[in-house]
């Protein structure tokens, strides 16, 4: 893919970090996009810290629909609101952020001079992704939002740079061994480079369309915890603790795609298992981090700590409109997952919104949209990226670099929520606006 792009690291940053990273978020999520895109950026000459920081910032707008829309599905389950309405509302918030994000990151990397030079490709990348995200989440199927949005943006942007001529800038040229590598890649048929990702996308789309994840699903009530406590704020309904075991979940689809790819490329069993072993050695620390962070999220949930913190924020009256995105931001920053963030604070947002005569659909969606801004500073995401970019032990420096950008983008979402609630409430599904 890189060999078929202009010899400019800024364009590679947009196509790989933004477009391709969104595709990875759609089919896998949970740190995979950051790990892969950061590694690819390092290959073309980005310093490791910069590559990881930019990958983390780009890994925001796709997160709300990541893993085949799982965060939205969970949000609907915990709030008793229709998942399609929630997805539609999220799809009327994040496309605006998606339009801005390529400009924002390129301004960070190359300054306003680079924005002026690259604004056409930045506009094409952001607009194509945002438009596809809106259309898919509102009118097609929210579970396919990331996959279709990313494929659309990737295809449109790559085709655009074939006809649009960027003025060469030696300061951002890919040089040395990186240039030799891309020249060698250019001699390989393009379809071979795209085939693994097309197989993954096609497998996941078919997997979801035929509803295979629900085949063989087993809901297992957790002994000693299921309905043993009541933790909700406004009623005494016992709190469920059910583990949904899905042997054919989306991760299985990705594994199937991996095996199909290995067979098509005639990879030997020894080479295949060697890749598995190398991946395990790289990722084991991140896996342990994920387990501990998710465990902490559940502990906060069942102990009432998360709800206590949320109740304090909800008691601020109409200032809750300002704090609402930061509730989602906090939940995902702590848990590392937009799915977990929706489970933690999703229902709280709805109850607070109803008390204040605000739109429950808007603020449930805002929990998810705000959560994606906290993704870039979550220990899970940073640890996963650091594990594969030789930055182990420098997670604190990466956190410090991304924290400010996380706050800035969340404040941008705050402004958008205020506009949607008070100036254009018709945009909210179920309030007389579009369905």
Protein backbone atom coordinates (compact mmCIF):
# COMPACT_ATOMS: atom_id res chain seq x y z
CA UNK A 1 0.00 0.00 0.00
CA UNK A 2 2.75 2.48 0.97
CA UNK A 3 4.60 1.79 -2.29
CA UNK A 4 1.62 3.12 -4.26
CA UNK A 5 1.43 6.46 -2.42
CA UNK A 6 3.34 9.71 -3.09
CA UNK A 7 6.82 9.92 -1.61
CA UNK A 8 5.63 12.04 1.29
CA UNK A 9 5.33 10.93 4.90
CA UNK A 10 2.40 13.31 5.47
CA UNK A 11 0.24 11.53 2.89
CA UNK A 12 1.30 8.15 4.29
CA UNK A 13 0.29 9.38 7.74
CA UNK A 14 -3.24 10.17 6.57
CA UNK A 15 -3.77 7.03 4.51
CA UNK A 16 -2.21 4.58 6.98
CA UNK A 17 -2.96 6.25 10.31
CA UNK A 18 -6.47 7.48 9.52
CA UNK A 19 -8.02 5.43 6.69
CA UNK A 20 -6.29 2.09 7.20
CA UNK A 21 -6.39 2.39 11.00
CA UNK A 22 -10.17 2.84 10.84
CA UNK A 23 -10.48 -0.41 8.89
CA UNK A 24 -8.48 -2.24 11.54
CA UNK A 25 -10.68 -0.73 14.26
CA UNK A 26 -13.76 -1.96 12.44
CA UNK A 27 -12.65 -5.56 12.12
CA UNK A 28 -10.63 -5.96 15.30
CA UNK A 29 -10.27 -3.00 17.68
CA UNK A 30 -8.87 -3.38 21.20
CA UNK A 31 -5.45 -1.87 20.46
CA UNK A 32 -4.85 -3.65 17.14
CA UNK A 33 -5.16 -0.50 14.96
CA UNK A 34 -2.66 1.47 17.03
CA UNK A 35 -0.13 -1.36 17.13
CA UNK A 36 -0.21 -2.02 13.38
CA UNK A 37 -0.41 1.54 12.08
CA UNK A 38 2.30 2.81 14.43
CA UNK A 39 4.60 0.02 13.24
CA UNK A 40 3.94 0.90 9.59
CA UNK A 41 4.63 4.57 10.25
CA UNK A 42 7.95 3.71 11.88
CA UNK A 43 8.89 1.78 8.72
CA UNK A 44 8.64 4.97 6.63
CA UNK A 45 10.79 7.02 8.96
CA UNK A 46 8.58 8.35 11.75
CA UNK A 47 10.22 8.41 15.20
CA UNK A 48 8.61 5.77 17.40
CA UNK A 49 7.04 8.21 19.85
CA UNK A 50 5.57 10.39 17.08
CA UNK A 51 4.24 7.35 15.22
CA UNK A 52 2.48 6.06 18.33
CA UNK A 53 1.07 9.47 19.31
CA UNK A 54 -0.37 10.11 15.84
CA UNK A 55 -1.82 6.58 15.68
CA UNK A 56 -3.49 7.13 19.05
CA UNK A 57 -5.02 10.46 17.99
CA UNK A 58 -6.36 8.97 14.77
CA UNK A 59 -7.81 6.02 16.71
CA UNK A 60 -10.79 8.06 17.90
CA UNK A 61 -13.64 8.58 15.44
CA UNK A 62 -13.85 4.89 14.42
CA UNK A 63 -13.89 3.61 18.02
CA UNK A 64 -17.61 4.13 18.73
CA UNK A 65 -18.46 1.60 15.99
CA UNK A 66 -15.41 -0.63 16.51
CA UNK A 67 -15.53 -4.39 16.72
CA UNK A 68 -18.57 -4.53 14.44
CA UNK A 69 -20.59 -1.98 16.42
CA UNK A 70 -20.24 -3.72 19.79
CA UNK A 71 -20.06 -0.47 21.83
CA UNK A 72 -23.41 0.67 20.41
CA UNK A 73 -24.99 -2.71 21.03
CA UNK A 74 -23.90 -2.63 24.68
CA UNK A 75 -25.07 0.97 25.04
CA UNK A 76 -28.52 0.00 23.82
CA UNK A 77 -28.63 -2.94 26.21
CA UNK A 78 -27.75 -0.94 29.33
CA UNK A 79 -29.98 2.04 28.54
CA UNK A 80 -33.03 0.23 27.11
CA UNK A 81 -32.86 2.60 24.14
CA UNK A 82 -32.96 1.30 20.55
CA UNK A 83 -29.45 0.65 19.31
CA UNK A 84 -30.24 1.91 15.77
CA UNK A 85 -31.33 5.30 17.20
CA UNK A 86 -28.20 5.54 19.30
CA UNK A 87 -26.05 4.63 16.30
CA UNK A 88 -27.83 7.25 14.19
CA UNK A 89 -27.12 9.94 16.81
CA UNK A 90 -23.46 8.96 17.11
CA UNK A 91 -23.38 9.08 13.32
CA UNK A 92 -24.47 12.72 13.52
CA UNK A 93 -21.64 13.66 15.87
CA UNK A 94 -18.46 11.81 14.94
CA UNK A 95 -18.46 12.57 11.18
CA UNK A 96 -17.80 16.22 12.05
CA UNK A 97 -14.80 15.17 14.16
CA UNK A 98 -13.69 12.86 11.33
CA UNK A 99 -13.68 15.80 8.91
CA UNK A 100 -11.46 17.84 11.24
CA UNK A 101 -9.09 15.09 12.38
CA UNK A 102 -6.79 14.83 9.31
CA UNK A 103 -6.28 18.61 9.37
CA UNK A 104 -5.59 18.51 13.12
CA UNK A 105 -2.96 15.77 12.98
CA UNK A 106 -1.16 17.16 9.93
CA UNK A 107 -1.03 20.57 11.65
CA UNK A 108 0.65 18.86 14.60
CA UNK A 109 3.13 17.01 12.42
CA UNK A 110 4.00 19.47 9.68
CA UNK A 111 2.55 22.79 10.79
CA UNK A 112 0.12 25.03 8.93
CA UNK A 113 2.41 25.05 5.91
CA UNK A 114 1.66 21.35 5.47
CA UNK A 115 -2.07 21.93 5.94
CA UNK A 116 -2.02 24.52 3.14
CA UNK A 117 -0.11 22.13 0.88
CA UNK A 118 -2.21 19.04 1.62
CA UNK A 119 -5.68 20.47 2.21
CA UNK A 120 -7.23 18.74 -0.84
CA UNK A 121 -6.24 15.23 0.27
CA UNK A 122 -7.11 16.03 3.88
CA UNK A 123 -10.55 17.18 2.80
CA UNK A 124 -11.08 14.09 0.64
CA UNK A 125 -10.01 11.69 3.41
CA UNK A 126 -12.08 13.34 6.15
CA UNK A 127 -15.16 13.97 4.03
CA UNK A 128 -15.29 10.50 2.46
CA UNK A 129 -14.95 8.83 5.87
CA UNK A 130 -17.43 11.12 7.61
CA UNK A 131 -20.03 10.88 4.84
CA UNK A 132 -19.81 7.09 4.72
CA UNK A 133 -19.98 6.93 8.53
CA UNK A 134 -23.15 9.03 8.55
CA UNK A 135 -24.86 7.09 5.75
CA UNK A 136 -23.99 3.64 7.10
CA UNK A 137 -24.92 4.34 10.73
CA UNK A 138 -28.19 6.06 9.80
CA UNK A 139 -29.47 4.16 6.78
CA UNK A 140 -27.67 0.82 6.31
CA UNK A 141 -26.45 -1.18 9.34
CA UNK A 142 -24.49 0.32 12.22
CA UNK A 143 -22.51 -2.90 12.75
CA UNK A 144 -20.83 -2.33 9.37
CA UNK A 145 -20.16 1.39 9.90
CA UNK A 146 -16.41 1.24 10.44
CA UNK A 147 -15.72 -1.34 7.75
CA UNK A 148 -17.68 0.45 5.04
CA UNK A 149 -16.50 3.93 6.11
CA UNK A 150 -12.86 2.88 6.18
CA UNK A 151 -13.02 1.04 2.86
CA UNK A 152 -14.73 4.05 1.26
CA UNK A 153 -12.20 6.52 2.64
CA UNK A 154 -9.25 4.28 1.80
CA UNK A 155 -10.39 3.71 -1.77
CA UNK A 156 -11.36 7.32 -2.45
CA UNK A 157 -8.17 8.76 -0.91
CA UNK A 158 -5.81 6.34 -2.66
CA UNK A 159 -7.50 7.01 -6.01
CA UNK A 160 -7.36 10.75 -5.38
CA UNK A 161 -3.60 10.80 -4.78
CA UNK A 162 -3.11 8.98 -8.09
CA UNK A 163 -4.48 11.98 -9.98
CA UNK A 164 -3.66 14.83 -7.59
CA UNK A 165 -0.06 16.00 -7.74
CA UNK A 166 1.55 17.13 -4.50
CA UNK A 167 4.45 19.55 -4.73
CA UNK A 168 7.48 17.52 -3.50
CA UNK A 169 8.89 18.59 -0.15
CA UNK A 170 12.31 17.09 0.69
CA UNK A 171 11.67 17.62 4.40
CA UNK A 172 8.94 14.96 4.33
CA UNK A 173 10.29 12.63 1.65
CA UNK A 174 10.74 8.94 2.45
CA UNK A 175 14.44 8.36 2.02
CA UNK A 176 17.19 5.83 2.51
CA UNK A 177 16.25 2.24 3.29
CA UNK A 178 12.60 3.24 3.64
CA UNK A 179 12.56 4.48 0.04
CA UNK A 180 14.24 1.30 -1.15
CA UNK A 181 11.62 -0.75 0.65
CA UNK A 182 8.74 1.11 -0.95
CA UNK A 183 10.36 0.81 -4.38
CA UNK A 184 10.62 -2.95 -3.90
CA UNK A 185 7.00 -3.05 -2.78
CA UNK A 186 5.94 -1.20 -5.93
CA UNK A 187 7.22 -4.15 -8.02
CA UNK A 188 4.82 -6.48 -6.21
CA UNK A 189 1.33 -6.67 -7.74
CA UNK A 190 -0.97 -4.34 -5.83
CA UNK A 191 -3.62 -7.00 -5.36
CA UNK A 192 -1.23 -9.10 -3.27
CA UNK A 193 -0.76 -6.29 -0.80
CA UNK A 194 -4.48 -5.59 -0.53
CA UNK A 195 -5.63 -9.21 -0.48
CA UNK A 196 -5.19 -9.91 3.28
CA UNK A 197 -7.21 -6.84 4.23
CA UNK A 198 -9.89 -7.47 1.65
CA UNK A 199 -10.20 -11.03 2.96
CA UNK A 200 -10.58 -9.75 6.52
CA UNK A 201 -13.19 -7.16 5.50
CA UNK A 202 -15.19 -9.61 3.36
CA UNK A 203 -15.07 -12.31 6.04
CA UNK A 204 -16.27 -9.98 8.78
CA UNK A 205 -19.05 -8.51 6.60
CA UNK A 206 -20.34 -11.97 5.68
CA UNK A 207 -19.90 -13.17 9.26
CA UNK A 208 -22.07 -10.32 10.53
CA UNK A 209 -24.62 -10.50 7.73
CA UNK A 210 -25.34 -14.15 8.51
CA UNK A 211 -25.39 -13.37 12.26
CA UNK A 212 -22.84 -16.06 13.01
CA UNK A 213 -21.71 -14.49 16.32
CA UNK A 214 -25.03 -15.48 17.89
CA UNK A 215 -24.72 -19.11 16.80
CA UNK A 216 -23.83 -21.23 19.78
CA UNK A 217 -23.93 -18.28 22.19
CA UNK A 218 -24.22 -19.27 25.84
CA UNK A 219 -25.20 -16.79 28.57
CA UNK A 220 -23.66 -17.96 31.82
CA UNK A 221 -24.81 -16.26 35.08
CA UNK A 222 -21.77 -15.69 37.28
CA UNK A 223 -22.16 -17.72 40.52
CA UNK A 224 -22.31 -15.64 43.69
CA UNK A 225 -22.56 -12.34 41.80
CA UNK A 226 -25.47 -12.54 39.37
CA UNK A 227 -28.34 -10.46 40.80
CA UNK A 228 -26.70 -10.61 44.22
CA UNK A 229 -26.33 -6.84 44.51
CA UNK A 230 -28.27 -3.76 43.43
CA UNK A 231 -26.09 -0.95 42.24
CA UNK A 232 -28.34 1.26 40.11
CA UNK A 233 -29.05 4.74 41.39
CA UNK A 234 -32.82 5.15 41.00
CA UNK A 235 -34.35 1.72 41.51
CA UNK A 236 -33.58 -1.55 43.25
CA UNK A 237 -33.45 -3.83 40.24
CA UNK A 238 -30.84 -6.54 40.96
CA UNK A 239 -27.67 -6.08 38.97
CA UNK A 240 -27.01 -8.84 36.45
CA UNK A 241 -23.63 -10.52 36.04
CA UNK A 242 -23.86 -12.65 32.93
CA UNK A 243 -20.94 -13.84 30.83
CA UNK A 244 -21.97 -14.18 27.18
CA UNK A 245 -19.77 -16.85 25.66
CA UNK A 246 -19.66 -16.55 21.86
CA UNK A 247 -17.45 -19.19 20.22
CA UNK A 248 -18.18 -17.57 16.84
CA UNK A 249 -17.65 -13.95 17.88
CA UNK A 250 -15.99 -11.42 15.56
CA UNK A 251 -12.54 -12.45 16.76
CA UNK A 252 -13.20 -15.91 15.36
CA UNK A 253 -14.01 -14.31 12.00
CA UNK A 254 -10.63 -12.55 12.03
CA UNK A 255 -8.92 -15.86 12.88
CA UNK A 256 -10.70 -17.56 9.98
CA UNK A 257 -9.58 -14.75 7.67
CA UNK A 258 -6.03 -15.18 8.93
CA UNK A 259 -6.08 -18.92 8.15
CA UNK A 260 -7.59 -18.31 4.69
CA UNK A 261 -4.86 -15.75 3.94
CA UNK A 262 -2.11 -18.13 5.10
CA UNK A 263 -3.49 -20.87 2.85
CA UNK A 264 -3.78 -18.57 -0.19
CA UNK A 265 -0.19 -17.41 0.23
CA UNK A 266 0.93 -21.00 0.87
CA UNK A 267 2.41 -20.23 4.25
CA UNK A 268 3.74 -23.39 5.87
CA UNK A 269 2.35 -24.52 9.25
CA UNK A 270 5.78 -23.95 10.81
CA UNK A 271 5.90 -20.37 9.53
CA UNK A 272 2.31 -19.75 10.64
CA UNK A 273 2.95 -20.90 14.20
CA UNK A 274 6.22 -18.98 14.23
CA UNK A 275 4.22 -15.80 13.52
CA UNK A 276 1.81 -16.73 16.32
CA UNK A 277 4.71 -17.18 18.76
CA UNK A 278 6.33 -13.88 17.76
CA UNK A 279 3.02 -12.07 18.18
CA UNK A 280 2.59 -13.57 21.64
CA UNK A 281 6.08 -12.47 22.70
CA UNK A 282 5.33 -8.94 21.55
CA UNK A 283 1.86 -8.64 23.03
CA UNK A 284 1.83 -10.64 26.27
CA UNK A 285 2.43 -7.59 28.48
CA UNK A 286 -0.35 -5.68 26.73
CA UNK A 287 -2.67 -8.66 27.20
CA UNK A 288 -2.04 -8.69 30.94
CA UNK A 289 -2.60 -4.93 31.05
CA UNK A 290 -5.93 -5.31 29.25
CA UNK A 291 -7.06 -8.03 31.66
CA UNK A 292 -6.22 -5.93 34.72
CA UNK A 293 -7.80 -2.73 33.36
CA UNK A 294 -11.04 -4.49 32.40
CA UNK A 295 -11.08 -6.17 35.82
CA UNK A 296 -10.73 -2.73 37.43
CA UNK A 297 -13.63 -1.44 35.33
CA UNK A 298 -15.89 -4.25 36.52
CA UNK A 299 -14.76 -3.75 40.12
CA UNK A 300 -15.64 -0.04 39.90
CA UNK A 301 -18.98 -0.97 38.41
CA UNK A 302 -20.09 -3.58 40.92
CA UNK A 303 -18.62 -1.70 43.91
CA UNK A 304 -20.59 1.44 43.01
CA UNK A 305 -17.50 3.64 42.64
CA UNK A 306 -18.15 4.52 39.00
CA UNK A 307 -21.78 5.38 39.71
CA UNK A 308 -20.83 7.52 42.69
CA UNK A 309 -18.44 9.55 40.55
CA UNK A 310 -21.06 9.84 37.83
CA UNK A 311 -23.77 10.93 40.26
CA UNK A 312 -21.59 13.80 41.41
CA UNK A 313 -21.22 14.99 37.83
CA UNK A 314 -24.94 14.62 37.14
CA UNK A 315 -25.81 16.77 40.15
CA UNK A 316 -24.34 19.84 38.47
CA UNK A 317 -27.65 20.72 36.81
CA UNK A 318 -27.52 22.05 33.29
CA UNK A 319 -23.74 22.17 33.48
CA UNK A 320 -24.18 18.44 32.95
CA UNK A 321 -24.30 19.27 29.22
CA UNK A 322 -20.65 20.29 29.53
CA UNK A 323 -19.61 17.40 31.78
CA UNK A 324 -21.43 14.67 29.87
CA UNK A 325 -18.76 14.09 27.19
CA UNK A 326 -16.13 13.99 29.94
CA UNK A 327 -18.01 11.20 31.72
CA UNK A 328 -17.60 9.02 28.66
CA UNK A 329 -14.03 10.27 28.32
CA UNK A 330 -13.24 9.27 31.91
CA UNK A 331 -14.84 5.82 31.61
CA UNK A 332 -12.86 4.90 28.50
CA UNK A 333 -9.65 6.43 29.82
CA UNK A 334 -9.95 4.13 32.84
CA UNK A 335 -11.23 0.98 31.16
CA UNK A 336 -9.57 1.27 27.75
CA UNK A 337 -12.75 0.31 25.93
CA UNK A 338 -15.68 2.30 24.58
CA UNK A 339 -17.79 -0.80 25.17
CA UNK A 340 -16.87 -0.82 28.86
CA UNK A 341 -17.32 2.96 29.06
CA UNK A 342 -20.86 2.61 27.75
CA UNK A 343 -21.56 -0.13 30.23
CA UNK A 344 -20.22 2.00 33.09
CA UNK A 345 -21.90 5.36 32.49
CA UNK A 346 -24.40 4.84 29.66
CA UNK A 347 -27.49 4.41 31.83
CA UNK A 348 -26.37 7.13 34.21
CA UNK A 349 -26.29 9.58 31.29
CA UNK A 350 -29.85 8.63 30.36
CA UNK A 351 -31.23 9.01 33.88
CA UNK A 352 -29.51 12.38 34.38
CA UNK A 353 -30.74 13.63 30.99
CA UNK A 354 -34.33 12.69 31.81
CA UNK A 355 -34.13 14.45 35.18
CA UNK A 356 -32.97 17.61 33.44
CA UNK A 357 -35.48 17.34 30.56
CA UNK A 358 -32.67 16.75 28.06
CA UNK A 359 -32.61 14.19 25.27
CA UNK A 360 -31.68 10.72 26.60
CA UNK A 361 -30.71 9.58 23.09
CA UNK A 362 -28.34 12.51 22.64
CA UNK A 363 -26.57 12.03 25.96
CA UNK A 364 -26.34 8.27 25.73
CA UNK A 365 -24.72 8.78 22.32
CA UNK A 366 -22.51 11.51 23.76
CA UNK A 367 -21.20 9.03 26.33
CA UNK A 368 -19.92 6.90 23.48
CA UNK A 369 -18.65 9.83 21.40
CA UNK A 370 -16.89 11.34 24.42
CA UNK A 371 -15.43 7.96 25.20
CA UNK A 372 -13.55 7.80 21.92
CA UNK A 373 -11.58 10.90 22.96
CA UNK A 374 -10.46 9.10 26.10
CA UNK A 375 -9.28 6.11 24.08
CA UNK A 376 -6.03 7.81 23.14
CA UNK A 377 -4.94 8.14 26.78
CA UNK A 378 -6.15 4.76 28.04
CA UNK A 379 -3.36 2.65 29.59
CA UNK A 380 -4.53 -0.37 27.56
CA UNK A 381 -4.17 1.38 24.21
CA UNK A 382 -0.86 3.01 25.10
CA UNK A 383 0.58 -0.23 26.47
CA UNK A 384 -0.46 -2.17 23.38
CA UNK A 385 1.18 0.36 21.08
CA UNK A 386 4.31 0.61 23.22
CA UNK A 387 4.70 -3.17 23.26
CA UNK A 388 5.15 -3.38 19.48
CA UNK A 389 7.07 -0.13 18.91
CA UNK A 390 9.95 -0.78 21.30
CA UNK A 391 8.68 1.92 23.66
CA UNK A 392 8.21 -0.22 26.75
CA UNK A 393 8.84 1.92 29.81
CA UNK A 394 7.99 5.16 27.97
CA UNK A 395 4.23 4.92 28.33
CA UNK A 396 4.22 8.00 30.59
CA UNK A 397 5.84 10.14 27.89
CA UNK A 398 3.27 8.97 25.34
CA UNK A 399 0.45 9.74 27.79
CA UNK A 400 1.79 13.26 28.35
CA UNK A 401 1.93 13.88 24.57
CA UNK A 402 -1.64 12.73 23.92
CA UNK A 403 -3.42 14.12 27.00
CA UNK A 404 -3.73 17.71 25.76
CA UNK A 405 -5.13 16.59 22.40
CA UNK A 406 -7.64 14.38 24.17
CA UNK A 407 -8.95 17.37 26.12
CA UNK A 408 -9.06 19.65 23.06
CA UNK A 409 -11.10 17.17 21.00
CA UNK A 410 -13.46 16.52 23.91
CA UNK A 411 -14.09 20.26 24.27
CA UNK A 412 -14.89 20.35 20.57
CA UNK A 413 -17.48 17.64 21.18
CA UNK A 414 -18.90 19.66 24.10
CA UNK A 415 -19.54 22.58 21.76
CA UNK A 416 -21.21 20.24 19.27
CA UNK A 417 -23.49 18.74 21.96
CA UNK A 418 -24.58 22.20 23.13
CA UNK A 419 -25.48 23.13 19.55
CA UNK A 420 -27.39 19.89 18.97
CA UNK A 421 -29.34 20.09 22.23
CA UNK A 422 -30.27 23.77 22.24
CA UNK A 423 -29.95 25.10 18.67
CA UNK A 424 -30.81 22.19 16.36
CA UNK A 425 -32.67 19.61 18.51
CA UNK A 426 -34.42 18.34 15.38
CA UNK A 427 -31.21 16.55 14.46
CA UNK A 428 -31.76 14.13 17.37
CA UNK A 429 -33.56 10.90 16.38
CA UNK A 430 -37.01 10.69 17.92
CA UNK A 431 -37.45 14.45 18.42
CA UNK A 432 -39.11 15.28 15.16
CA UNK A 433 -35.89 15.18 13.19
CA UNK A 434 -34.65 12.49 10.83
CA UNK A 435 -35.57 8.98 12.07
